[in-house]
Amino acid sequence: MTLARKYLISTEDTPYYHIMARCVRRAFLCGKDEYSGNCYEHRRKPIVERIKFLALIFNIDVCAYAIMSNHYHLVLKINSTKTWDDKQVLVYWSSLCKPEPMCQKFLNNEAQSKA
C-alpha cells in the first residue's frame, strides 16, 4: 500500500532527500544509445538548466546531481528557512505556469472584489 508524501517526508528528521528518475522502454536521456546509434548528449545542458530553474521556483536547494544515460539522481535540501508571502509564491509559480486572471490581477495590484 502506498503512503502519501506528507507521511513519508519529515523535515524534522532531515531536510535532505535523494531522488531518482529513470527512463522507460530503453529510452535514453543522455549519452550514446548503442542499440540505435543515436547520440543524445545534447540534452544534458537543458536538463541541468531545468533542474536549476525548478529548484528556484520550488525553494529547494540542489546539493548534488548526476545525469546518467537513462536516469538521473538528485540530492535535494528542503529550504525551510526561506519564507515567502503569497505574492512571492504567485510570482515564482507564474514563471512556470500561466496564472489565472484573478491571480494576475493580484500580481498587478488591481482592486479585488469582496466576494
PDB file of N, CA and C in Angstrom:
ATOM      1  N   MET A   1       0.846  -1.179   0.000  1.00  0.00           N
ATOM      2  CA  MET A   1       0.000   0.000   0.000  1.00  0.00           C
ATOM      3  C   MET A   1       0.891   1.242   0.000  1.00  0.00           C
ATOM      4  N   THR A   2       0.546   2.204  -0.812  1.00  0.00           N
ATOM      5  CA  THR A   2       1.339   3.426  -0.891  1.00  0.00           C
ATOM      6  C   THR A   2       0.941   4.401   0.208  1.00  0.00           C
ATOM      7  N   LEU A   3       1.873   5.277   0.537  1.00  0.00           N
ATOM      8  CA  LEU A   3       1.626   6.303   1.544  1.00  0.00           C
ATOM      9  C   LEU A   3       1.776   7.682   0.911  1.00  0.00           C
ATOM     10  N   ALA A   4       1.008   8.620   1.411  1.00  0.00           N
ATOM     11  CA  ALA A   4       1.114   9.996   0.935  1.00  0.00           C
ATOM     12  C   ALA A   4       2.467  10.573   1.338  1.00  0.00           C
ATOM     13  N   ARG A   5       2.992  11.482   0.532  1.00  0.00           N
ATOM     14  CA  ARG A   5       4.305  12.075   0.815  1.00  0.00           C
ATOM     15  C   ARG A   5       4.350  12.779   2.163  1.00  0.00           C
ATOM     16  N   LYS A   6       3.224  13.341   2.587  1.00  0.00           N
ATOM     17  CA  LYS A   6       3.238  14.047   3.871  1.00  0.00           C
ATOM     18  C   LYS A   6       3.533  13.102   5.029  1.00  0.00           C
ATOM     19  N   TYR A   7       3.336  11.781   4.824  1.00  0.00           N
ATOM     20  CA  TYR A   7       3.687  10.797   5.846  1.00  0.00           C
ATOM     21  C   TYR A   7       5.094  10.247   5.648  1.00  0.00           C
ATOM     22  N   LEU A   8       5.653  10.397   4.460  1.00  0.00           N
ATOM     23  CA  LEU A   8       6.984   9.867   4.165  1.00  0.00           C
ATOM     24  C   LEU A   8       8.095  10.874   4.421  1.00  0.00           C
ATOM     25  N   ILE A   9       7.815  12.147   4.229  1.00  0.00           N
ATOM     26  CA  ILE A   9       8.835  13.184   4.351  1.00  0.00           C
ATOM     27  C   ILE A   9       8.662  13.899   5.676  1.00  0.00           C
ATOM     28  N   SER A  10       9.733  13.910   6.447  1.00  0.00           N
ATOM     29  CA  SER A  10       9.725  14.580   7.740  1.00  0.00           C
ATOM     30  C   SER A  10      10.884  15.564   7.782  1.00  0.00           C
ATOM     31  N   THR A  11      10.583  16.838   7.683  1.00  0.00           N
ATOM     32  CA  THR A  11      11.648  17.840   7.713  1.00  0.00           C
ATOM     33  C   THR A  11      12.269  17.964   9.099  1.00  0.00           C
ATOM     34  N   GLU A  12      11.602  17.444  10.122  1.00  0.00           N
ATOM     35  CA  GLU A  12      12.193  17.443  11.458  1.00  0.00           C
ATOM     36  C   GLU A  12      13.329  16.421  11.539  1.00  0.00           C
ATOM     37  N   ASP A  13      13.188  15.298  10.833  1.00  0.00           N
ATOM     38  CA  ASP A  13      14.226  14.265  10.841  1.00  0.00           C
ATOM     39  C   ASP A  13      15.407  14.654   9.963  1.00  0.00           C
ATOM     40  N   THR A  14      15.144  15.084   8.746  1.00  0.00           N
ATOM     41  CA  THR A  14      16.209  15.509   7.834  1.00  0.00           C
ATOM     42  C   THR A  14      15.629  16.380   6.726  1.00  0.00           C
ATOM     43  N   PRO A  15      16.344  17.422   6.340  1.00  0.00           N
ATOM     44  CA  PRO A  15      15.885  18.227   5.211  1.00  0.00           C
ATOM     45  C   PRO A  15      16.433  17.721   3.873  1.00  0.00           C
ATOM     46  N   TYR A  16      17.262  16.666   3.898  1.00  0.00           N
ATOM     47  CA  TYR A  16      17.923  16.160   2.691  1.00  0.00           C
ATOM     48  C   TYR A  16      17.212  14.918   2.157  1.00  0.00           C
ATOM     49  N   TYR A  17      17.057  14.875   0.832  1.00  0.00           N
ATOM     50  CA  TYR A  17      16.402  13.723   0.207  1.00  0.00           C
ATOM     51  C   TYR A  17      17.082  13.375  -1.105  1.00  0.00           C
ATOM     52  N   HIS A  18      17.234  12.084  -1.332  1.00  0.00           N
ATOM     53  CA  HIS A  18      17.800  11.575  -2.585  1.00  0.00           C
ATOM     54  C   HIS A  18      16.634  11.112  -3.447  1.00  0.00           C
ATOM     55  N   ILE A  19      16.567  11.612  -4.671  1.00  0.00           N
ATOM     56  CA  ILE A  19      15.531  11.162  -5.592  1.00  0.00           C
ATOM     57  C   ILE A  19      16.185  10.653  -6.865  1.00  0.00           C
ATOM     58  N   MET A  20      15.470   9.787  -7.538  1.00  0.00           N
ATOM     59  CA  MET A  20      15.979   9.203  -8.775  1.00  0.00           C
ATOM     60  C   MET A  20      14.800   9.020  -9.717  1.00  0.00           C
ATOM     61  N   ALA A  21      15.040   9.296 -10.992  1.00  0.00           N
ATOM     62  CA  ALA A  21      14.023   9.063 -12.020  1.00  0.00           C
ATOM     63  C   ALA A  21      14.691   8.358 -13.188  1.00  0.00           C
ATOM     64  N   ARG A  22      13.998   7.366 -13.724  1.00  0.00           N
ATOM     65  CA  ARG A  22      14.552   6.538 -14.792  1.00  0.00           C
ATOM     66  C   ARG A  22      13.651   6.600 -16.020  1.00  0.00           C
ATOM     67  N   CYS A  23      14.278   6.557 -17.197  1.00  0.00           N
ATOM     68  CA  CYS A  23      13.533   6.487 -18.457  1.00  0.00           C
ATOM     69  C   CYS A  23      12.950   5.081 -18.623  1.00  0.00           C
ATOM     70  N   VAL A  24      11.910   4.974 -19.411  1.00  0.00           N
ATOM     71  CA  VAL A  24      11.275   3.679 -19.654  1.00  0.00           C
ATOM     72  C   VAL A  24      11.474   3.254 -21.104  1.00  0.00           C
ATOM     73  N   ARG A  25      11.223   1.996 -21.367  1.00  0.00           N
ATOM     74  CA  ARG A  25      11.253   1.419 -22.723  1.00  0.00           C
ATOM     75  C   ARG A  25      12.574   1.649 -23.452  1.00  0.00           C
ATOM     76  N   ARG A  26      13.664   1.458 -22.755  1.00  0.00           N
ATOM     77  CA  ARG A  26      15.009   1.588 -23.326  1.00  0.00           C
ATOM     78  C   ARG A  26      15.295   2.983 -23.880  1.00  0.00           C
ATOM     79  N   ALA A  27      14.550   3.974 -23.433  1.00  0.00           N
ATOM     80  CA  ALA A  27      14.779   5.346 -23.896  1.00  0.00           C
ATOM     81  C   ALA A  27      16.054   5.896 -23.267  1.00  0.00           C
ATOM     82  N   PHE A  28      16.695   6.808 -23.967  1.00  0.00           N
ATOM     83  CA  PHE A  28      17.921   7.413 -23.474  1.00  0.00           C
ATOM     84  C   PHE A  28      17.685   8.870 -23.129  1.00  0.00           C
ATOM     85  N   LEU A  29      18.228   9.272 -22.009  1.00  0.00           N
ATOM     86  CA  LEU A  29      18.158  10.648 -21.562  1.00  0.00           C
ATOM     87  C   LEU A  29      19.347  11.431 -22.110  1.00  0.00           C
ATOM     88  N   CYS A  30      20.516  10.879 -21.977  1.00  0.00           N
ATOM     89  CA  CYS A  30      21.772  11.484 -22.444  1.00  0.00           C
ATOM     90  C   CYS A  30      22.693  10.376 -22.931  1.00  0.00           C
ATOM     91  N   GLY A  31      23.773  10.781 -23.542  1.00  0.00           N
ATOM     92  CA  GLY A  31      24.776   9.812 -23.970  1.00  0.00           C
ATOM     93  C   GLY A  31      24.439   9.176 -25.305  1.00  0.00           C
ATOM     94  N   LYS A  32      25.189   8.131 -25.628  1.00  0.00           N
ATOM     95  CA  LYS A  32      25.028   7.450 -26.920  1.00  0.00           C
ATOM     96  C   LYS A  32      24.281   6.138 -26.720  1.00  0.00           C
ATOM     97  N   ASP A  33      23.249   5.955 -27.505  1.00  0.00           N
ATOM     98  CA  ASP A  33      22.471   4.720 -27.492  1.00  0.00           C
ATOM     99  C   ASP A  33      23.139   3.743 -28.454  1.00  0.00           C
ATOM    100  N   GLU A  34      23.779   2.715 -27.909  1.00  0.00           N
ATOM    101  CA  GLU A  34      24.493   1.742 -28.741  1.00  0.00           C
ATOM    102  C   GLU A  34      23.526   0.932 -29.611  1.00  0.00           C
ATOM    103  N   TYR A  35      22.301   0.768 -29.146  1.00  0.00           N
ATOM    104  CA  TYR A  35      21.320  -0.034 -29.877  1.00  0.00           C
ATOM    105  C   TYR A  35      20.888   0.663 -31.172  1.00  0.00           C
ATOM    106  N   SER A  36      20.548   1.953 -31.072  1.00  0.00           N
ATOM    107  CA  SER A  36      20.074   2.694 -32.253  1.00  0.00           C
ATOM    108  C   SER A  36      21.179   3.504 -32.931  1.00  0.00           C
ATOM    109  N   GLY A  37      22.257   3.764 -32.198  1.00  0.00           N
ATOM    110  CA  GLY A  37      23.336   4.575 -32.743  1.00  0.00           C
ATOM    111  C   GLY A  37      23.124   6.070 -32.587  1.00  0.00           C
ATOM    112  N   ASN A  38      22.016   6.480 -31.983  1.00  0.00           N
ATOM    113  CA  ASN A  38      21.729   7.903 -31.787  1.00  0.00           C
ATOM    114  C   ASN A  38      22.495   8.452 -30.588  1.00  0.00           C
ATOM    115  N   CYS A  39      22.885   9.709 -30.684  1.00  0.00           N
ATOM    116  CA  CYS A  39      23.574  10.386 -29.584  1.00  0.00           C
ATOM    117  C   CYS A  39      22.635  11.442 -28.997  1.00  0.00           C
ATOM    118  N   TYR A  40      22.440  11.368 -27.690  1.00  0.00           N
ATOM    119  CA  TYR A  40      21.539  12.294 -27.001  1.00  0.00           C
ATOM    120  C   TYR A  40      22.288  13.199 -26.030  1.00  0.00           C
ATOM    121  N   GLU A  41      23.574  13.351 -26.213  1.00  0.00           N
ATOM    122  CA  GLU A  41      24.390  14.157 -25.298  1.00  0.00           C
ATOM    123  C   GLU A  41      23.949  15.621 -25.286  1.00  0.00           C
ATOM    124  N   HIS A  42      23.342  16.093 -26.366  1.00  0.00           N
ATOM    125  CA  HIS A  42      22.888  17.485 -26.441  1.00  0.00           C
ATOM    126  C   HIS A  42      21.793  17.800 -25.423  1.00  0.00           C
ATOM    127  N   ARG A  43      21.190  16.792 -24.824  1.00  0.00           N
ATOM    128  CA  ARG A  43      20.110  17.009 -23.859  1.00  0.00           C
ATOM    129  C   ARG A  43      20.626  17.368 -22.464  1.00  0.00           C
ATOM    130  N   ARG A  44      21.875  17.069 -22.175  1.00  0.00           N
ATOM    131  CA  ARG A  44      22.403  17.237 -20.816  1.00  0.00           C
ATOM    132  C   ARG A  44      22.291  18.690 -20.322  1.00  0.00           C
ATOM    133  N   LYS A  45      22.735  19.650 -21.114  1.00  0.00           N
ATOM    134  CA  LYS A  45      22.716  21.049 -20.673  1.00  0.00           C
ATOM    135  C   LYS A  45      21.293  21.548 -20.406  1.00  0.00           C
ATOM    136  N   PRO A  46      20.309  21.309 -21.294  1.00  0.00           N
ATOM    137  CA  PRO A  46      18.941  21.752 -20.978  1.00  0.00           C
ATOM    138  C   PRO A  46      18.363  21.082 -19.726  1.00  0.00           C
ATOM    139  N   ILE A  47      18.757  19.840 -19.465  1.00  0.00           N
ATOM    140  CA  ILE A  47      18.272  19.160 -18.261  1.00  0.00           C
ATOM    141  C   ILE A  47      18.829  19.842 -17.018  1.00  0.00           C
ATOM    142  N   VAL A  48      20.110  20.171 -17.025  1.00  0.00           N
ATOM    143  CA  VAL A  48      20.727  20.862 -15.890  1.00  0.00           C
ATOM    144  C   VAL A  48      20.082  22.232 -15.693  1.00  0.00           C
ATOM    145  N   GLU A  49      19.842  22.950 -16.771  1.00  0.00           N
ATOM    146  CA  GLU A  49      19.199  24.264 -16.673  1.00  0.00           C
ATOM    147  C   GLU A  49      17.789  24.141 -16.099  1.00  0.00           C
ATOM    148  N   ARG A  50      17.066  23.116 -16.502  1.00  0.00           N
ATOM    149  CA  ARG A  50      15.703  22.908 -15.990  1.00  0.00           C
ATOM    150  C   ARG A  50      15.720  22.578 -14.503  1.00  0.00           C
ATOM    151  N   ILE A  51      16.679  21.774 -14.077  1.00  0.00           N
ATOM    152  CA  ILE A  51      16.808  21.443 -12.655  1.00  0.00           C
ATOM    153  C   ILE A  51      17.048  22.721 -11.849  1.00  0.00           C
ATOM    154  N   LYS A  52      17.929  23.584 -12.320  1.00  0.00           N
ATOM    155  CA  LYS A  52      18.213  24.847 -11.624  1.00  0.00           C
ATOM    156  C   LYS A  52      16.976  25.736 -11.573  1.00  0.00           C
ATOM    157  N   PHE A  53      16.256  25.814 -12.680  1.00  0.00           N
ATOM    158  CA  PHE A  53      15.047  26.638 -12.756  1.00  0.00           C
ATOM    159  C   PHE A  53      13.984  26.137 -11.778  1.00  0.00           C
ATOM    160  N   LEU A  54      13.740  24.842 -11.758  1.00  0.00           N
ATOM    161  CA  LEU A  54      12.725  24.282 -10.869  1.00  0.00           C
ATOM    162  C   LEU A  54      13.132  24.389  -9.403  1.00  0.00           C
ATOM    163  N   ALA A  55      14.416  24.283  -9.112  1.00  0.00           N
ATOM    164  CA  ALA A  55      14.888  24.441  -7.732  1.00  0.00           C
ATOM    165  C   ALA A  55      14.597  25.848  -7.225  1.00  0.00           C
ATOM    166  N   LEU A  56      14.753  26.836  -8.077  1.00  0.00           N
ATOM    167  CA  LEU A  56      14.454  28.216  -7.705  1.00  0.00           C
ATOM    168  C   LEU A  56      12.963  28.397  -7.437  1.00  0.00           C
ATOM    169  N   ILE A  57      12.136  27.871  -8.316  1.00  0.00           N
ATOM    170  CA  ILE A  57      10.690  28.041  -8.188  1.00  0.00           C
ATOM    171  C   ILE A  57      10.133  27.335  -6.956  1.00  0.00           C
ATOM    172  N   PHE A  58      10.637  26.157  -6.654  1.00  0.00           N
ATOM    173  CA  PHE A  58      10.089  25.372  -5.549  1.00  0.00           C
ATOM    174  C   PHE A  58      10.878  25.527  -4.254  1.00  0.00           C
ATOM    175  N   ASN A  59      11.809  26.497  -4.199  1.00  0.00           N
ATOM    176  CA  ASN A  59      12.535  26.813  -2.973  1.00  0.00           C
ATOM    177  C   ASN A  59      13.267  25.592  -2.410  1.00  0.00           C
ATOM    178  N   ILE A  60      13.961  24.895  -3.292  1.00  0.00           N
ATOM    179  CA  ILE A  60      14.709  23.699  -2.909  1.00  0.00           C
ATOM    180  C   ILE A  60      16.154  23.892  -3.343  1.00  0.00           C
ATOM    181  N   ASP A  61      17.082  23.500  -2.481  1.00  0.00           N
ATOM    182  CA  ASP A  61      18.498  23.564  -2.824  1.00  0.00           C
ATOM    183  C   ASP A  61      18.928  22.237  -3.432  1.00  0.00           C
ATOM    184  N   VAL A  62      19.627  22.294  -4.551  1.00  0.00           N
ATOM    185  CA  VAL A  62      20.184  21.089  -5.167  1.00  0.00           C
ATOM    186  C   VAL A  62      21.606  20.943  -4.634  1.00  0.00           C
ATOM    187  N   CYS A  63      21.825  19.923  -3.814  1.00  0.00           N
ATOM    188  CA  CYS A  63      23.143  19.700  -3.210  1.00  0.00           C
ATOM    189  C   CYS A  63      24.061  18.947  -4.163  1.00  0.00           C
ATOM    190  N   ALA A  64      23.507  18.013  -4.916  1.00  0.00           N
ATOM    191  CA  ALA A  64      24.298  17.230  -5.868  1.00  0.00           C
ATOM    192  C   ALA A  64      23.360  16.658  -6.920  1.00  0.00           C
ATOM    193  N   TYR A  65      23.921  16.398  -8.094  1.00  0.00           N
ATOM    194  CA  TYR A  65      23.140  15.742  -9.137  1.00  0.00           C
ATOM    195  C   TYR A  65      24.065  14.923 -10.012  1.00  0.00           C
ATOM    196  N   ALA A  66      23.494  13.892 -10.622  1.00  0.00           N
ATOM    197  CA  ALA A  66      24.213  13.072 -11.595  1.00  0.00           C
ATOM    198  C   ALA A  66      23.223  12.707 -12.684  1.00  0.00           C
ATOM    199  N   ILE A  67      23.560  13.062 -13.915  1.00  0.00           N
ATOM    200  CA  ILE A  67      22.699  12.741 -15.048  1.00  0.00           C
ATOM    201  C   ILE A  67      23.378  11.624 -15.824  1.00  0.00           C
ATOM    202  N   MET A  68      22.749  10.466 -15.836  1.00  0.00           N
ATOM    203  CA  MET A  68      23.305   9.285 -16.481  1.00  0.00           C
ATOM    204  C   MET A  68      22.616   9.087 -17.834  1.00  0.00           C
ATOM    205  N   SER A  69      22.932   8.001 -18.506  1.00  0.00           N
ATOM    206  CA  SER A  69      22.386   7.781 -19.848  1.00  0.00           C
ATOM    207  C   SER A  69      20.873   7.578 -19.846  1.00  0.00           C
ATOM    208  N   ASN A  70      20.339   6.874 -18.852  1.00  0.00           N
ATOM    209  CA  ASN A  70      18.900   6.619 -18.854  1.00  0.00           C
ATOM    210  C   ASN A  70      18.216   6.970 -17.529  1.00  0.00           C
ATOM    211  N   HIS A  71      18.913   7.662 -16.646  1.00  0.00           N
ATOM    212  CA  HIS A  71      18.308   8.085 -15.386  1.00  0.00           C
ATOM    213  C   HIS A  71      19.119   9.236 -14.787  1.00  0.00           C
ATOM    214  N   TYR A  72      18.556   9.841 -13.748  1.00  0.00           N
ATOM    215  CA  TYR A  72      19.299  10.877 -13.035  1.00  0.00           C
ATOM    216  C   TYR A  72      19.054  10.752 -11.542  1.00  0.00           C
ATOM    217  N   HIS A  73      19.998  11.268 -10.777  1.00  0.00           N
ATOM    218  CA  HIS A  73      19.926  11.305  -9.321  1.00  0.00           C
ATOM    219  C   HIS A  73      20.027  12.759  -8.880  1.00  0.00           C
ATOM    220  N   LEU A  74      19.260  13.113  -7.854  1.00  0.00           N
ATOM    221  CA  LEU A  74      19.347  14.440  -7.249  1.00  0.00           C
ATOM    222  C   LEU A  74      19.404  14.284  -5.737  1.00  0.00           C
ATOM    223  N   VAL A  75      20.243  15.062  -5.083  1.00  0.00           N
ATOM    224  CA  VAL A  75      20.213  15.188  -3.631  1.00  0.00           C
ATOM    225  C   VAL A  75      19.688  16.590  -3.362  1.00  0.00           C
ATOM    226  N   LEU A  76      18.516  16.646  -2.751  1.00  0.00           N
ATOM    227  CA  LEU A  76      17.814  17.913  -2.549  1.00  0.00           C
ATOM    228  C   LEU A  76      17.723  18.250  -1.072  1.00  0.00           C
ATOM    229  N   LYS A  77      17.713  19.534  -0.789  1.00  0.00           N
ATOM    230  CA  LYS A  77      17.519  20.006   0.582  1.00  0.00           C
ATOM    231  C   LYS A  77      16.305  20.917   0.590  1.00  0.00           C
ATOM    232  N   ILE A  78      15.367  20.594   1.439  1.00  0.00           N
ATOM    233  CA  ILE A  78      14.187  21.441   1.600  1.00  0.00           C
ATOM    234  C   ILE A  78      14.618  22.664   2.392  1.00  0.00           C
ATOM    235  N   ASN A  79      14.445  23.817   1.809  1.00  0.00           N
ATOM    236  CA  ASN A  79      14.911  25.053   2.421  1.00  0.00           C
ATOM    237  C   ASN A  79      13.775  25.677   3.214  1.00  0.00           C
ATOM    238  N   SER A  80      13.638  25.284   4.471  1.00  0.00           N
ATOM    239  CA  SER A  80      12.540  25.793   5.294  1.00  0.00           C
ATOM    240  C   SER A  80      12.876  27.136   5.930  1.00  0.00           C
ATOM    241  N   THR A  81      14.112  27.612   5.777  1.00  0.00           N
ATOM    242  CA  THR A  81      14.465  28.909   6.355  1.00  0.00           C
ATOM    243  C   THR A  81      13.958  30.067   5.508  1.00  0.00           C
ATOM    244  N   LYS A  82      13.779  29.841   4.212  1.00  0.00           N
ATOM    245  CA  LYS A  82      13.233  30.885   3.341  1.00  0.00           C
ATOM    246  C   LYS A  82      11.714  30.841   3.425  1.00  0.00           C
ATOM    247  N   THR A  83      11.125  31.939   3.793  1.00  0.00           N
ATOM    248  CA  THR A  83       9.664  32.003   3.819  1.00  0.00           C
ATOM    249  C   THR A  83       9.205  33.012   2.776  1.00  0.00           C
ATOM    250  N   TRP A  84       8.142  32.677   2.108  1.00  0.00           N
ATOM    251  CA  TRP A  84       7.598  33.526   1.059  1.00  0.00           C
ATOM    252  C   TRP A  84       6.195  33.965   1.443  1.00  0.00           C
ATOM    253  N   ASP A  85       5.853  35.190   1.071  1.00  0.00           N
ATOM    254  CA  ASP A  85       4.471  35.621   1.228  1.00  0.00           C
ATOM    255  C   ASP A  85       3.675  35.168  -0.001  1.00  0.00           C
ATOM    256  N   ASP A  86       2.380  35.435   0.009  1.00  0.00           N
ATOM    257  CA  ASP A  86       1.511  34.969  -1.082  1.00  0.00           C
ATOM    258  C   ASP A  86       1.944  35.510  -2.437  1.00  0.00           C
ATOM    259  N   LYS A  87       2.368  36.762  -2.463  1.00  0.00           N
ATOM    260  CA  LYS A  87       2.754  37.370  -3.738  1.00  0.00           C
ATOM    261  C   LYS A  87       4.015  36.711  -4.300  1.00  0.00           C
ATOM    262  N   GLN A  88       4.995  36.414  -3.454  1.00  0.00           N
ATOM    263  CA  GLN A  88       6.215  35.752  -3.923  1.00  0.00           C
ATOM    264  C   GLN A  88       5.911  34.367  -4.478  1.00  0.00           C
ATOM    265  N   VAL A  89       5.024  33.643  -3.809  1.00  0.00           N
ATOM    266  CA  VAL A  89       4.631  32.321  -4.302  1.00  0.00           C
ATOM    267  C   VAL A  89       4.017  32.445  -5.691  1.00  0.00           C
ATOM    268  N   LEU A  90       3.122  33.411  -5.871  1.00  0.00           N
ATOM    269  CA  LEU A  90       2.486  33.605  -7.179  1.00  0.00           C
ATOM    270  C   LEU A  90       3.478  34.045  -8.251  1.00  0.00           C
ATOM    271  N   VAL A  91       4.437  34.883  -7.887  1.00  0.00           N
ATOM    272  CA  VAL A  91       5.438  35.332  -8.863  1.00  0.00           C
ATOM    273  C   VAL A  91       6.250  34.143  -9.360  1.00  0.00           C
ATOM    274  N   TYR A  92       6.727  33.310  -8.440  1.00  0.00           N
ATOM    275  CA  TYR A  92       7.515  32.147  -8.853  1.00  0.00           C
ATOM    276  C   TYR A  92       6.662  31.140  -9.619  1.00  0.00           C
ATOM    277  N   TRP A  93       5.449  30.893  -9.130  1.00  0.00           N
ATOM    278  CA  TRP A  93       4.578  29.921  -9.789  1.00  0.00           C
ATOM    279  C   TRP A  93       4.195  30.393 -11.193  1.00  0.00           C
ATOM    280  N   SER A  94       3.981  31.700 -11.363  1.00  0.00           N
ATOM    281  CA  SER A  94       3.589  32.207 -12.682  1.00  0.00           C
ATOM    282  C   SER A  94       4.742  32.160 -13.681  1.00  0.00           C
ATOM    283  N   SER A  95       5.970  31.992 -13.207  1.00  0.00           N
ATOM    284  CA  SER A  95       7.073  31.801 -14.147  1.00  0.00           C
ATOM    285  C   SER A  95       7.086  30.379 -14.700  1.00  0.00           C
ATOM    286  N   LEU A  96       6.356  29.485 -14.051  1.00  0.00           N
ATOM    287  CA  LEU A  96       6.237  28.101 -14.518  1.00  0.00           C
ATOM    288  C   LEU A  96       4.931  27.882 -15.274  1.00  0.00           C
ATOM    289  N   CYS A  97       3.851  28.444 -14.765  1.00  0.00           N
ATOM    290  CA  CYS A  97       2.517  28.259 -15.355  1.00  0.00           C
ATOM    291  C   CYS A  97       1.873  29.628 -15.585  1.00  0.00           C
ATOM    292  N   LYS A  98       1.001  29.686 -16.557  1.00  0.00           N
ATOM    293  CA  LYS A  98       0.265  30.931 -16.806  1.00  0.00           C
ATOM    294  C   LYS A  98      -0.730  31.131 -15.668  1.00  0.00           C
ATOM    295  N   PRO A  99      -0.674  32.287 -14.991  1.00  0.00           N
ATOM    296  CA  PRO A  99      -1.588  32.489 -13.864  1.00  0.00           C
ATOM    297  C   PRO A  99      -3.025  32.717 -14.323  1.00  0.00           C
ATOM    298  N   GLU A 100      -3.937  32.333 -13.463  1.00  0.00           N
ATOM    299  CA  GLU A 100      -5.356  32.577 -13.706  1.00  0.00           C
ATOM    300  C   GLU A 100      -5.605  34.091 -13.682  1.00  0.00           C
ATOM    301  N   PRO A 101      -6.680  34.559 -14.325  1.00  0.00           N
ATOM    302  CA  PRO A 101      -6.953  36.010 -14.359  1.00  0.00           C
ATOM    303  C   PRO A 101      -7.010  36.655 -12.973  1.00  0.00           C
ATOM    304  N   MET A 102      -7.594  35.974 -12.003  1.00  0.00           N
ATOM    305  CA  MET A 102      -7.687  36.539 -10.658  1.00  0.00           C
ATOM    306  C   MET A 102      -6.294  36.684 -10.027  1.00  0.00           C
ATOM    307  N   CYS A 103      -5.446  35.698 -10.241  1.00  0.00           N
ATOM    308  CA  CYS A 103      -4.069  35.768  -9.728  1.00  0.00           C
ATOM    309  C   CYS A 103      -3.292  36.875 -10.430  1.00  0.00           C
ATOM    310  N   GLN A 104      -3.525  37.029 -11.715  1.00  0.00           N
ATOM    311  CA  GLN A 104      -2.846  38.085 -12.469  1.00  0.00           C
ATOM    312  C   GLN A 104      -3.245  39.460 -11.945  1.00  0.00           C
ATOM    313  N   LYS A 105      -4.518  39.632 -11.599  1.00  0.00           N
ATOM    314  CA  LYS A 105      -4.968  40.899 -11.020  1.00  0.00           C
ATOM    315  C   LYS A 105      -4.280  41.154  -9.684  1.00  0.00           C
ATOM    316  N   PHE A 106      -4.141  40.103  -8.879  1.00  0.00           N
ATOM    317  CA  PHE A 106      -3.463  40.235  -7.592  1.00  0.00           C
ATOM    318  C   PHE A 106      -2.006  40.643  -7.795  1.00  0.00           C
ATOM    319  N   LEU A 107      -1.346  40.030  -8.775  1.00  0.00           N
ATOM    320  CA  LEU A 107       0.053  40.362  -9.060  1.00  0.00           C
ATOM    321  C   LEU A 107       0.209  41.793  -9.568  1.00  0.00           C
ATOM    322  N   ASN A 108      -0.801  42.287 -10.280  1.00  0.00           N
ATOM    323  CA  ASN A 108      -0.766  43.651 -10.827  1.00  0.00           C
ATOM    324  C   ASN A 108      -1.309  44.693  -9.855  1.00  0.00           C
ATOM    325  N   ASN A 109      -1.607  44.267  -8.617  1.00  0.00           N
ATOM    326  CA  ASN A 109      -2.155  45.152  -7.575  1.00  0.00           C
ATOM    327  C   ASN A 109      -3.458  45.809  -7.999  1.00  0.00           C
ATOM    328  N   GLU A 110      -4.257  45.097  -8.792  1.00  0.00           N
ATOM    329  CA  GLU A 110      -5.562  45.613  -9.189  1.00  0.00           C
ATOM    330  C   GLU A 110      -6.561  45.330  -8.078  1.00  0.00           C
ATOM    331  N   ALA A 111      -7.589  46.152  -8.016  1.00  0.00           N
ATOM    332  CA  ALA A 111      -8.587  46.025  -6.958  1.00  0.00           C
ATOM    333  C   ALA A 111      -9.276  44.669  -7.024  1.00  0.00           C
ATOM    334  N   GLN A 112      -9.467  44.087  -5.869  1.00  0.00           N
ATOM    335  CA  GLN A 112     -10.163  42.809  -5.762  1.00  0.00           C
ATOM    336  C   GLN A 112     -11.568  43.068  -5.217  1.00  0.00           C
ATOM    337  N   SER A 113     -12.523  42.267  -5.661  1.00  0.00           N
ATOM    338  CA  SER A 113     -13.874  42.405  -5.119  1.00  0.00           C
ATOM    339  C   SER A 113     -13.911  41.756  -3.743  1.00  0.00           C
ATOM    340  N   LYS A 114     -14.935  42.061  -2.975  1.00  0.00           N
ATOM    341  CA  LYS A 114     -15.052  41.499  -1.632  1.00  0.00           C
ATOM    342  C   LYS A 114     -15.540  40.061  -1.647  1.00  0.00           C
ATOM    343  N   ALA A 115     -15.970  39.574  -2.791  1.00  0.00           N
ATOM    344  CA  ALA A 115     -16.521  38.225  -2.881  1.00  0.00           C
ATOM    345  C   ALA A 115     -15.500  37.183  -2.706  1.00  0.00           C
TER     346      ALA A 115
END
